[in-house]
Amino acid sequence: MQVNVTTKGVEVPSRLKALVEKKLSKLQRVLPNIEMVDVTCSRERQWRVLEITITANGLLIRGEERAEDFPSALDRLSDKLERRVKKSRSRMIQRYRESPSLREAWEELAEEEEDDLEAGPAVVRSKRFTIKPMSPEEAAEEMELLGHDFYVFRNAETEQVNVLYRRKDGNYGLIEPEY
């Protein structure tokens, strides 16, 4: 484990690096492959700010703590980082337990792709809503408020269902059915 201590405008106790290594040795029980630890010490008003970034097997864990002195900030921050690592690790274990084996997942994916190629496009979402009578201008305002590219409404003048859509040139188009 490589520990890099960086300071920003403050004097750091010489024993801080040894304290960091001692505190993070407990963390190595939970996260055994810690490659690098970056410690940044700075000051904000009366507070001493300690930031620690841990790199382990591509996993990046970061924490920040403020206190009146660096050792107390380190105590609280090491507890916080340990909780984060345990939580992350339990999530990964849970995901691993719930997921099917890799071979089964690949087989399912291959079957789904074959089915998708044979079936073609499919309706993947259906939505129901009430259509209220309004003018095309009101429909344009509603469409802008929603941020959609089209809007289905009942035309108040003709009492028929119309579709208002945004054209590529920025203007609007209106689709009126003929029966």
N, C-alpha and C. Protein backbone atom coordinates (compact mmCIF):
# COMPACT_ATOMS: atom_id res chain seq x y z
N MET A 1 0.85 -1.17 0.00
CA MET A 1 0.00 0.00 0.00
C MET A 1 0.90 1.23 0.00
N GLN A 2 0.69 2.08 -1.00
CA GLN A 2 1.46 3.31 -1.13
C GLN A 2 0.63 4.46 -0.62
N VAL A 3 1.15 5.25 0.33
CA VAL A 3 0.44 6.37 0.92
C VAL A 3 1.11 7.67 0.46
N ASN A 4 0.32 8.54 -0.18
CA ASN A 4 0.81 9.85 -0.62
C ASN A 4 0.09 10.92 0.19
N VAL A 5 0.83 11.75 0.90
CA VAL A 5 0.25 12.83 1.70
C VAL A 5 0.55 14.15 1.00
N THR A 6 -0.53 14.91 0.72
CA THR A 6 -0.41 16.21 0.08
C THR A 6 -1.00 17.25 1.02
N THR A 7 -0.33 18.38 1.14
CA THR A 7 -0.84 19.45 2.00
C THR A 7 -1.18 20.66 1.16
N LYS A 8 -2.15 21.40 1.61
CA LYS A 8 -2.56 22.63 0.92
C LYS A 8 -2.60 23.75 1.96
N GLY A 9 -1.47 24.41 2.15
CA GLY A 9 -1.42 25.58 3.01
C GLY A 9 -1.47 25.31 4.50
N VAL A 10 -1.15 24.11 4.94
CA VAL A 10 -1.12 23.80 6.37
C VAL A 10 0.10 22.95 6.69
N GLU A 11 0.47 22.99 7.95
CA GLU A 11 1.53 22.12 8.42
C GLU A 11 0.88 20.88 9.02
N VAL A 12 1.38 19.73 8.62
CA VAL A 12 0.80 18.47 9.05
C VAL A 12 1.75 17.80 10.03
N PRO A 13 1.22 17.20 11.10
CA PRO A 13 2.09 16.48 12.03
C PRO A 13 2.90 15.40 11.29
N SER A 14 4.14 15.24 11.66
CA SER A 14 5.01 14.27 10.98
C SER A 14 4.51 12.84 11.15
N ARG A 15 3.76 12.58 12.19
CA ARG A 15 3.28 11.22 12.45
C ARG A 15 1.98 10.90 11.71
N LEU A 16 1.46 11.84 10.91
CA LEU A 16 0.17 11.62 10.24
C LEU A 16 0.25 10.44 9.27
N LYS A 17 1.33 10.31 8.53
CA LYS A 17 1.45 9.21 7.57
C LYS A 17 1.41 7.87 8.29
N ALA A 18 2.09 7.77 9.43
CA ALA A 18 2.07 6.54 10.22
C ALA A 18 0.67 6.26 10.77
N LEU A 19 -0.03 7.33 11.19
CA LEU A 19 -1.41 7.16 11.69
C LEU A 19 -2.33 6.67 10.58
N VAL A 20 -2.16 7.22 9.37
CA VAL A 20 -2.99 6.80 8.23
C VAL A 20 -2.76 5.33 7.94
N GLU A 21 -1.50 4.91 7.89
CA GLU A 21 -1.21 3.51 7.62
C GLU A 21 -1.79 2.60 8.69
N LYS A 22 -1.71 3.03 9.95
CA LYS A 22 -2.25 2.22 11.05
C LYS A 22 -3.78 2.10 10.95
N LYS A 23 -4.46 3.24 10.70
CA LYS A 23 -5.93 3.22 10.60
C LYS A 23 -6.41 2.41 9.40
N LEU A 24 -5.71 2.54 8.29
CA LEU A 24 -6.14 1.84 7.08
C LEU A 24 -5.75 0.37 7.07
N SER A 25 -4.88 -0.03 8.01
CA SER A 25 -4.56 -1.46 8.10
C SER A 25 -5.81 -2.25 8.51
N LYS A 26 -6.68 -1.62 9.31
CA LYS A 26 -7.96 -2.27 9.65
C LYS A 26 -8.82 -2.43 8.40
N LEU A 27 -8.73 -1.44 7.53
CA LEU A 27 -9.53 -1.47 6.30
C LEU A 27 -9.03 -2.55 5.35
N GLN A 28 -7.75 -2.92 5.46
CA GLN A 28 -7.20 -3.95 4.58
C GLN A 28 -7.80 -5.32 4.87
N ARG A 29 -8.38 -5.51 6.03
CA ARG A 29 -9.05 -6.78 6.32
C ARG A 29 -10.29 -6.94 5.45
N VAL A 30 -10.98 -5.83 5.23
CA VAL A 30 -12.20 -5.86 4.43
C VAL A 30 -11.89 -5.70 2.94
N LEU A 31 -10.92 -4.86 2.63
CA LEU A 31 -10.53 -4.59 1.25
C LEU A 31 -9.04 -4.90 1.13
N PRO A 32 -8.68 -6.15 0.82
CA PRO A 32 -7.29 -6.58 0.92
C PRO A 32 -6.33 -6.00 -0.12
N ASN A 33 -6.78 -5.64 -1.28
CA ASN A 33 -5.87 -5.23 -2.36
C ASN A 33 -5.80 -3.72 -2.53
N ILE A 34 -5.50 -2.98 -1.49
CA ILE A 34 -5.38 -1.54 -1.60
C ILE A 34 -4.06 -1.22 -2.27
N GLU A 35 -4.14 -0.55 -3.42
CA GLU A 35 -2.94 -0.22 -4.17
C GLU A 35 -2.35 1.12 -3.73
N MET A 36 -3.21 2.14 -3.63
CA MET A 36 -2.71 3.47 -3.35
C MET A 36 -3.72 4.24 -2.49
N VAL A 37 -3.18 5.06 -1.59
CA VAL A 37 -4.00 5.91 -0.75
C VAL A 37 -3.48 7.34 -0.91
N ASP A 38 -4.34 8.24 -1.36
CA ASP A 38 -3.99 9.65 -1.48
C ASP A 38 -4.65 10.41 -0.34
N VAL A 39 -3.86 11.10 0.45
CA VAL A 39 -4.35 11.87 1.59
C VAL A 39 -4.07 13.34 1.29
N THR A 40 -5.11 14.16 1.36
CA THR A 40 -4.96 15.60 1.15
C THR A 40 -5.38 16.32 2.42
N CYS A 41 -4.50 17.16 2.93
CA CYS A 41 -4.76 17.91 4.15
C CYS A 41 -4.86 19.39 3.79
N SER A 42 -5.93 20.04 4.26
CA SER A 42 -6.10 21.46 4.00
C SER A 42 -6.79 22.10 5.19
N ARG A 43 -7.01 23.41 5.08
CA ARG A 43 -7.63 24.15 6.17
C ARG A 43 -8.73 25.02 5.61
N GLU A 44 -9.89 25.02 6.27
CA GLU A 44 -11.00 25.91 5.94
C GLU A 44 -11.43 26.59 7.23
N ARG A 45 -11.18 27.86 7.32
CA ARG A 45 -11.44 28.64 8.54
C ARG A 45 -10.78 27.98 9.73
N GLN A 46 -11.58 27.60 10.74
CA GLN A 46 -10.98 26.96 11.92
C GLN A 46 -10.89 25.45 11.78
N TRP A 47 -11.40 24.88 10.69
CA TRP A 47 -11.43 23.43 10.52
C TRP A 47 -10.20 22.92 9.79
N ARG A 48 -9.81 21.71 10.13
CA ARG A 48 -8.79 20.98 9.39
C ARG A 48 -9.55 19.97 8.54
N VAL A 49 -9.29 19.97 7.25
CA VAL A 49 -10.03 19.11 6.31
C VAL A 49 -9.10 18.01 5.84
N LEU A 50 -9.59 16.78 5.93
CA LEU A 50 -8.82 15.61 5.53
C LEU A 50 -9.61 14.86 4.46
N GLU A 51 -8.99 14.67 3.30
CA GLU A 51 -9.61 13.91 2.21
C GLU A 51 -8.76 12.69 1.95
N ILE A 52 -9.41 11.54 1.83
CA ILE A 52 -8.68 10.31 1.54
C ILE A 52 -9.34 9.65 0.33
N THR A 53 -8.51 9.28 -0.65
CA THR A 53 -8.96 8.56 -1.83
C THR A 53 -8.20 7.24 -1.87
N ILE A 54 -8.94 6.14 -1.90
CA ILE A 54 -8.34 4.81 -1.90
C ILE A 54 -8.58 4.16 -3.25
N THR A 55 -7.52 3.59 -3.82
CA THR A 55 -7.62 2.86 -5.08
C THR A 55 -7.29 1.40 -4.80
N ALA A 56 -8.24 0.51 -5.14
CA ALA A 56 -8.03 -0.93 -4.91
C ALA A 56 -8.75 -1.71 -6.00
N ASN A 57 -8.00 -2.44 -6.80
CA ASN A 57 -8.57 -3.27 -7.87
C ASN A 57 -9.54 -2.50 -8.76
N GLY A 58 -9.21 -1.28 -9.11
CA GLY A 58 -10.08 -0.49 -9.97
C GLY A 58 -11.22 0.17 -9.23
N LEU A 59 -11.39 -0.13 -7.96
CA LEU A 59 -12.44 0.47 -7.14
C LEU A 59 -11.89 1.75 -6.55
N LEU A 60 -12.65 2.82 -6.61
CA LEU A 60 -12.22 4.11 -6.09
C LEU A 60 -13.16 4.51 -4.96
N ILE A 61 -12.60 4.73 -3.77
CA ILE A 61 -13.39 5.10 -2.61
C ILE A 61 -12.83 6.41 -2.09
N ARG A 62 -13.72 7.38 -1.88
CA ARG A 62 -13.28 8.69 -1.44
C ARG A 62 -14.09 9.13 -0.24
N GLY A 63 -13.42 9.83 0.68
CA GLY A 63 -14.10 10.37 1.84
C GLY A 63 -13.47 11.67 2.27
N GLU A 64 -14.26 12.51 2.92
CA GLU A 64 -13.78 13.80 3.40
C GLU A 64 -14.36 14.04 4.78
N GLU A 65 -13.55 14.62 5.66
CA GLU A 65 -13.99 14.88 7.03
C GLU A 65 -13.36 16.17 7.51
N ARG A 66 -14.12 16.95 8.32
CA ARG A 66 -13.65 18.19 8.93
C ARG A 66 -13.61 18.00 10.44
N ALA A 67 -12.56 18.50 11.06
CA ALA A 67 -12.45 18.44 12.51
C ALA A 67 -11.49 19.54 12.96
N GLU A 68 -11.33 19.65 14.28
CA GLU A 68 -10.43 20.68 14.82
C GLU A 68 -8.97 20.30 14.64
N ASP A 69 -8.68 19.00 14.53
CA ASP A 69 -7.31 18.56 14.29
C ASP A 69 -7.33 17.34 13.38
N PHE A 70 -6.20 17.05 12.75
CA PHE A 70 -6.13 15.97 11.78
C PHE A 70 -6.34 14.57 12.37
N PRO A 71 -5.78 14.25 13.55
CA PRO A 71 -6.01 12.90 14.09
C PRO A 71 -7.48 12.57 14.35
N SER A 72 -8.25 13.53 14.87
CA SER A 72 -9.68 13.25 15.10
C SER A 72 -10.43 13.13 13.77
N ALA A 73 -10.04 13.93 12.78
CA ALA A 73 -10.65 13.81 11.45
C ALA A 73 -10.34 12.45 10.86
N LEU A 74 -9.11 11.97 11.07
CA LEU A 74 -8.70 10.66 10.57
C LEU A 74 -9.49 9.54 11.23
N ASP A 75 -9.74 9.65 12.53
CA ASP A 75 -10.54 8.63 13.24
C ASP A 75 -11.93 8.51 12.62
N ARG A 76 -12.60 9.65 12.48
CA ARG A 76 -13.97 9.62 11.93
C ARG A 76 -13.98 9.18 10.48
N LEU A 77 -12.99 9.63 9.72
CA LEU A 77 -12.94 9.30 8.30
C LEU A 77 -12.65 7.83 8.07
N SER A 78 -11.79 7.23 8.88
CA SER A 78 -11.50 5.80 8.71
C SER A 78 -12.74 4.97 9.00
N ASP A 79 -13.54 5.36 10.01
CA ASP A 79 -14.79 4.65 10.28
C ASP A 79 -15.77 4.80 9.11
N LYS A 80 -15.85 6.00 8.56
CA LYS A 80 -16.75 6.26 7.43
C LYS A 80 -16.35 5.43 6.21
N LEU A 81 -15.04 5.40 5.92
CA LEU A 81 -14.56 4.63 4.77
C LEU A 81 -14.79 3.14 4.97
N GLU A 82 -14.62 2.65 6.19
CA GLU A 82 -14.84 1.23 6.46
C GLU A 82 -16.31 0.87 6.23
N ARG A 83 -17.22 1.73 6.67
CA ARG A 83 -18.65 1.48 6.43
C ARG A 83 -18.95 1.46 4.94
N ARG A 84 -18.37 2.40 4.19
CA ARG A 84 -18.60 2.45 2.74
C ARG A 84 -18.09 1.19 2.06
N VAL A 85 -16.92 0.75 2.44
CA VAL A 85 -16.34 -0.46 1.83
C VAL A 85 -17.20 -1.67 2.14
N LYS A 86 -17.64 -1.81 3.39
CA LYS A 86 -18.47 -2.95 3.77
C LYS A 86 -19.79 -2.93 3.02
N LYS A 87 -20.38 -1.75 2.89
CA LYS A 87 -21.66 -1.62 2.18
C LYS A 87 -21.48 -1.97 0.71
N SER A 88 -20.42 -1.47 0.10
CA SER A 88 -20.14 -1.76 -1.30
C SER A 88 -19.89 -3.24 -1.51
N ARG A 89 -19.13 -3.82 -0.62
CA ARG A 89 -18.81 -5.24 -0.73
C ARG A 89 -20.05 -6.11 -0.56
N SER A 90 -20.93 -5.75 0.39
CA SER A 90 -22.15 -6.54 0.57
C SER A 90 -23.06 -6.42 -0.65
N ARG A 91 -23.11 -5.25 -1.27
CA ARG A 91 -23.90 -5.10 -2.49
C ARG A 91 -23.36 -5.99 -3.60
N MET A 92 -22.04 -6.00 -3.77
CA MET A 92 -21.45 -6.83 -4.81
C MET A 92 -21.72 -8.31 -4.55
N ILE A 93 -21.61 -8.74 -3.31
CA ILE A 93 -21.88 -10.14 -2.97
C ILE A 93 -23.34 -10.48 -3.23
N GLN A 94 -24.24 -9.57 -2.85
CA GLN A 94 -25.67 -9.80 -3.08
C GLN A 94 -25.96 -9.90 -4.57
N ARG A 95 -25.38 -9.00 -5.37
CA ARG A 95 -25.59 -9.05 -6.81
C ARG A 95 -25.07 -10.35 -7.40
N TYR A 96 -23.93 -10.80 -6.91
CA TYR A 96 -23.33 -12.03 -7.40
C TYR A 96 -24.21 -13.23 -7.06
N ARG A 97 -24.76 -13.25 -5.85
CA ARG A 97 -25.60 -14.37 -5.43
C ARG A 97 -26.91 -14.43 -6.21
N GLU A 98 -27.47 -13.25 -6.51
CA GLU A 98 -28.76 -13.20 -7.19
C GLU A 98 -28.64 -13.46 -8.68
N SER A 99 -27.50 -13.19 -9.27
CA SER A 99 -27.37 -13.32 -10.71
C SER A 99 -27.17 -14.78 -11.09
N PRO A 100 -27.69 -15.17 -12.26
CA PRO A 100 -27.46 -16.54 -12.73
C PRO A 100 -26.00 -16.68 -13.15
N SER A 101 -25.61 -17.88 -13.39
CA SER A 101 -24.22 -18.09 -13.79
C SER A 101 -23.97 -17.39 -15.12
N LEU A 102 -22.74 -17.09 -15.39
CA LEU A 102 -22.37 -16.37 -16.60
C LEU A 102 -22.76 -17.12 -17.86
N ARG A 103 -22.62 -18.42 -17.83
CA ARG A 103 -22.96 -19.24 -18.99
C ARG A 103 -24.46 -19.15 -19.28
N GLU A 104 -25.29 -19.26 -18.23
CA GLU A 104 -26.73 -19.17 -18.42
C GLU A 104 -27.12 -17.79 -18.95
N ALA A 105 -26.47 -16.76 -18.45
CA ALA A 105 -26.78 -15.40 -18.91
C ALA A 105 -26.46 -15.23 -20.38
N TRP A 106 -25.31 -15.76 -20.85
CA TRP A 106 -24.96 -15.68 -22.25
C TRP A 106 -25.96 -16.44 -23.12
N GLU A 107 -26.38 -17.62 -22.66
CA GLU A 107 -27.35 -18.40 -23.43
C GLU A 107 -28.68 -17.66 -23.56
N GLU A 108 -29.15 -17.07 -22.45
CA GLU A 108 -30.40 -16.31 -22.48
C GLU A 108 -30.28 -15.12 -23.42
N LEU A 109 -29.16 -14.43 -23.37
CA LEU A 109 -28.95 -13.27 -24.23
C LEU A 109 -28.96 -13.68 -25.70
N ALA A 110 -28.33 -14.78 -26.02
CA ALA A 110 -28.30 -15.26 -27.41
C ALA A 110 -29.71 -15.62 -27.88
N GLU A 111 -30.51 -16.28 -27.01
CA GLU A 111 -31.88 -16.64 -27.38
C GLU A 111 -32.72 -15.39 -27.60
N GLU A 112 -32.57 -14.39 -26.73
CA GLU A 112 -33.34 -13.15 -26.88
C GLU A 112 -32.99 -12.44 -28.18
N GLU A 113 -31.70 -12.41 -28.54
CA GLU A 113 -31.30 -11.76 -29.78
C GLU A 113 -31.88 -12.49 -30.99
N GLU A 114 -31.91 -13.83 -30.95
CA GLU A 114 -32.49 -14.59 -32.05
C GLU A 114 -33.98 -14.29 -32.16
N ASP A 115 -34.68 -14.25 -31.02
CA ASP A 115 -36.11 -13.96 -31.03
C ASP A 115 -36.36 -12.55 -31.56
N ASP A 116 -35.54 -11.58 -31.14
CA ASP A 116 -35.70 -10.21 -31.59
C ASP A 116 -35.49 -10.09 -33.09
N LEU A 117 -34.52 -10.82 -33.63
CA LEU A 117 -34.25 -10.75 -35.07
C LEU A 117 -35.39 -11.35 -35.86
N GLU A 118 -35.99 -12.42 -35.36
CA GLU A 118 -37.09 -13.07 -36.06
C GLU A 118 -38.37 -12.25 -35.96
N ALA A 119 -38.67 -11.69 -34.81
CA ALA A 119 -39.93 -11.01 -34.59
C ALA A 119 -39.95 -9.60 -35.17
N GLY A 120 -38.82 -8.90 -35.26
CA GLY A 120 -38.80 -7.52 -35.73
C GLY A 120 -39.16 -6.58 -34.60
N PRO A 121 -39.48 -5.33 -34.94
CA PRO A 121 -39.81 -4.35 -33.89
C PRO A 121 -41.09 -4.73 -33.15
N ALA A 122 -41.13 -4.37 -31.89
CA ALA A 122 -42.29 -4.70 -31.07
C ALA A 122 -42.70 -3.48 -30.25
N VAL A 123 -43.95 -3.44 -29.85
CA VAL A 123 -44.44 -2.39 -28.96
C VAL A 123 -43.91 -2.70 -27.57
N VAL A 124 -43.12 -1.79 -27.02
CA VAL A 124 -42.50 -2.04 -25.72
C VAL A 124 -43.14 -1.23 -24.61
N ARG A 125 -44.00 -0.26 -24.97
CA ARG A 125 -44.64 0.54 -23.94
C ARG A 125 -45.99 1.00 -24.44
N SER A 126 -46.97 1.01 -23.56
CA SER A 126 -48.31 1.47 -23.89
C SER A 126 -48.72 2.50 -22.84
N LYS A 127 -49.40 3.55 -23.29
CA LYS A 127 -49.75 4.62 -22.38
C LYS A 127 -51.18 5.06 -22.65
N ARG A 128 -51.95 5.33 -21.60
CA ARG A 128 -53.33 5.80 -21.73
C ARG A 128 -53.45 7.17 -21.08
N PHE A 129 -54.22 8.05 -21.71
CA PHE A 129 -54.45 9.37 -21.13
C PHE A 129 -55.76 9.92 -21.68
N THR A 130 -56.31 10.88 -20.96
CA THR A 130 -57.55 11.50 -21.41
C THR A 130 -57.22 12.61 -22.41
N ILE A 131 -58.08 12.72 -23.41
CA ILE A 131 -57.88 13.74 -24.44
C ILE A 131 -58.89 14.83 -24.20
N LYS A 132 -58.40 16.06 -24.00
CA LYS A 132 -59.32 17.16 -23.77
C LYS A 132 -59.38 18.07 -24.99
N PRO A 133 -60.52 18.68 -25.24
CA PRO A 133 -60.65 19.57 -26.40
C PRO A 133 -59.83 20.84 -26.21
N MET A 134 -59.09 21.23 -27.27
CA MET A 134 -58.29 22.46 -27.24
C MET A 134 -57.96 22.88 -28.66
N SER A 135 -57.51 24.10 -28.80
CA SER A 135 -57.10 24.60 -30.12
C SER A 135 -55.67 24.13 -30.41
N PRO A 136 -55.27 24.15 -31.69
CA PRO A 136 -53.90 23.75 -32.02
C PRO A 136 -52.84 24.62 -31.32
N GLU A 137 -53.15 25.89 -31.09
CA GLU A 137 -52.21 26.78 -30.40
C GLU A 137 -52.01 26.32 -28.95
N GLU A 138 -53.13 25.95 -28.28
CA GLU A 138 -53.02 25.45 -26.90
C GLU A 138 -52.24 24.13 -26.88
N ALA A 139 -52.47 23.29 -27.88
CA ALA A 139 -51.75 22.02 -27.96
C ALA A 139 -50.26 22.26 -28.14
N ALA A 140 -49.88 23.28 -28.93
CA ALA A 140 -48.47 23.60 -29.11
C ALA A 140 -47.84 24.04 -27.79
N GLU A 141 -48.58 24.84 -27.01
CA GLU A 141 -48.08 25.27 -25.70
C GLU A 141 -47.89 24.08 -24.77
N GLU A 142 -48.86 23.16 -24.74
CA GLU A 142 -48.77 21.96 -23.90
C GLU A 142 -47.57 21.11 -24.32
N MET A 143 -47.39 20.96 -25.64
CA MET A 143 -46.29 20.16 -26.15
C MET A 143 -44.96 20.76 -25.72
N GLU A 144 -44.83 22.09 -25.78
CA GLU A 144 -43.59 22.76 -25.36
C GLU A 144 -43.37 22.57 -23.87
N LEU A 145 -44.44 22.66 -23.07
CA LEU A 145 -44.31 22.48 -21.62
C LEU A 145 -43.83 21.07 -21.29
N LEU A 146 -44.32 20.07 -22.03
CA LEU A 146 -43.94 18.69 -21.77
C LEU A 146 -42.58 18.35 -22.36
N GLY A 147 -42.14 19.11 -23.37
CA GLY A 147 -40.86 18.82 -24.00
C GLY A 147 -40.92 17.66 -24.97
N HIS A 148 -42.11 17.36 -25.50
CA HIS A 148 -42.27 16.25 -26.44
C HIS A 148 -42.15 16.76 -27.87
N ASP A 149 -42.02 15.82 -28.81
CA ASP A 149 -41.96 16.16 -30.23
C ASP A 149 -43.32 16.07 -30.91
N PHE A 150 -44.31 15.51 -30.22
CA PHE A 150 -45.66 15.43 -30.77
C PHE A 150 -46.67 15.51 -29.62
N TYR A 151 -47.92 15.82 -29.97
CA TYR A 151 -48.96 15.92 -28.96
C TYR A 151 -50.29 15.50 -29.58
N VAL A 152 -51.01 14.60 -28.92
CA VAL A 152 -52.31 14.12 -29.39
C VAL A 152 -53.38 14.88 -28.61
N PHE A 153 -54.35 15.46 -29.32
CA PHE A 153 -55.39 16.24 -28.66
C PHE A 153 -56.67 16.20 -29.48
N ARG A 154 -57.80 16.60 -28.85
CA ARG A 154 -59.08 16.72 -29.56
C ARG A 154 -59.23 18.17 -29.97
N ASN A 155 -59.36 18.38 -31.26
CA ASN A 155 -59.51 19.73 -31.79
C ASN A 155 -60.87 20.28 -31.38
N ALA A 156 -60.88 21.43 -30.71
CA ALA A 156 -62.13 22.01 -30.20
C ALA A 156 -63.05 22.45 -31.34
N GLU A 157 -62.50 22.81 -32.49
CA GLU A 157 -63.31 23.28 -33.61
C GLU A 157 -63.96 22.12 -34.36
N THR A 158 -63.20 21.04 -34.65
CA THR A 158 -63.70 19.95 -35.47
C THR A 158 -64.17 18.76 -34.65
N GLU A 159 -63.86 18.73 -33.34
CA GLU A 159 -64.20 17.62 -32.44
C GLU A 159 -63.58 16.29 -32.88
N GLN A 160 -62.46 16.34 -33.60
CA GLN A 160 -61.76 15.13 -34.02
C GLN A 160 -60.38 15.08 -33.36
N VAL A 161 -59.85 13.87 -33.27
CA VAL A 161 -58.52 13.70 -32.69
C VAL A 161 -57.48 14.13 -33.72
N ASN A 162 -56.57 15.00 -33.31
CA ASN A 162 -55.49 15.49 -34.16
C ASN A 162 -54.15 15.22 -33.49
N VAL A 163 -53.11 15.26 -34.31
CA VAL A 163 -51.75 15.11 -33.81
C VAL A 163 -50.95 16.33 -34.25
N LEU A 164 -50.36 17.00 -33.29
CA LEU A 164 -49.49 18.13 -33.57
C LEU A 164 -48.06 17.64 -33.40
N TYR A 165 -47.17 17.93 -34.36
CA TYR A 165 -45.80 17.45 -34.26
C TYR A 165 -44.82 18.56 -34.64
N ARG A 166 -43.59 18.44 -34.14
CA ARG A 166 -42.55 19.41 -34.44
C ARG A 166 -41.80 18.93 -35.69
N ARG A 167 -41.67 19.83 -36.67
CA ARG A 167 -40.96 19.51 -37.90
C ARG A 167 -39.47 19.75 -37.72
N LYS A 168 -38.66 19.22 -38.62
CA LYS A 168 -37.21 19.39 -38.53
C LYS A 168 -36.78 20.84 -38.68
N ASP A 169 -37.59 21.65 -39.39
CA ASP A 169 -37.23 23.06 -39.56
C ASP A 169 -37.65 23.92 -38.37
N GLY A 170 -38.23 23.31 -37.31
CA GLY A 170 -38.60 24.04 -36.11
C GLY A 170 -40.06 24.46 -36.06
N ASN A 171 -40.77 24.37 -37.19
CA ASN A 171 -42.19 24.71 -37.23
C ASN A 171 -43.01 23.51 -36.76
N TYR A 172 -44.34 23.67 -36.78
CA TYR A 172 -45.23 22.59 -36.35
C TYR A 172 -46.00 22.05 -37.54
N GLY A 173 -46.37 20.77 -37.43
CA GLY A 173 -47.24 20.15 -38.42
C GLY A 173 -48.48 19.65 -37.71
N LEU A 174 -49.61 19.61 -38.40
CA LEU A 174 -50.86 19.17 -37.81
C LEU A 174 -51.42 18.03 -38.66
N ILE A 175 -51.71 16.91 -38.05
CA ILE A 175 -52.30 15.77 -38.75
C ILE A 175 -53.77 15.72 -38.38
N GLU A 176 -54.64 15.83 -39.43
CA GLU A 176 -56.09 15.79 -39.24
C GLU A 176 -56.62 14.59 -40.02
N PRO A 177 -57.32 13.68 -39.37
CA PRO A 177 -57.81 12.49 -40.09
C PRO A 177 -59.02 12.82 -40.98
N GLU A 178 -59.14 12.05 -42.05
CA GLU A 178 -60.33 12.14 -42.91
C GLU A 178 -61.04 10.81 -42.83
N TYR A 179 -62.36 10.87 -42.70
CA TYR A 179 -63.14 9.63 -42.62
C TYR A 179 -63.97 9.44 -43.84
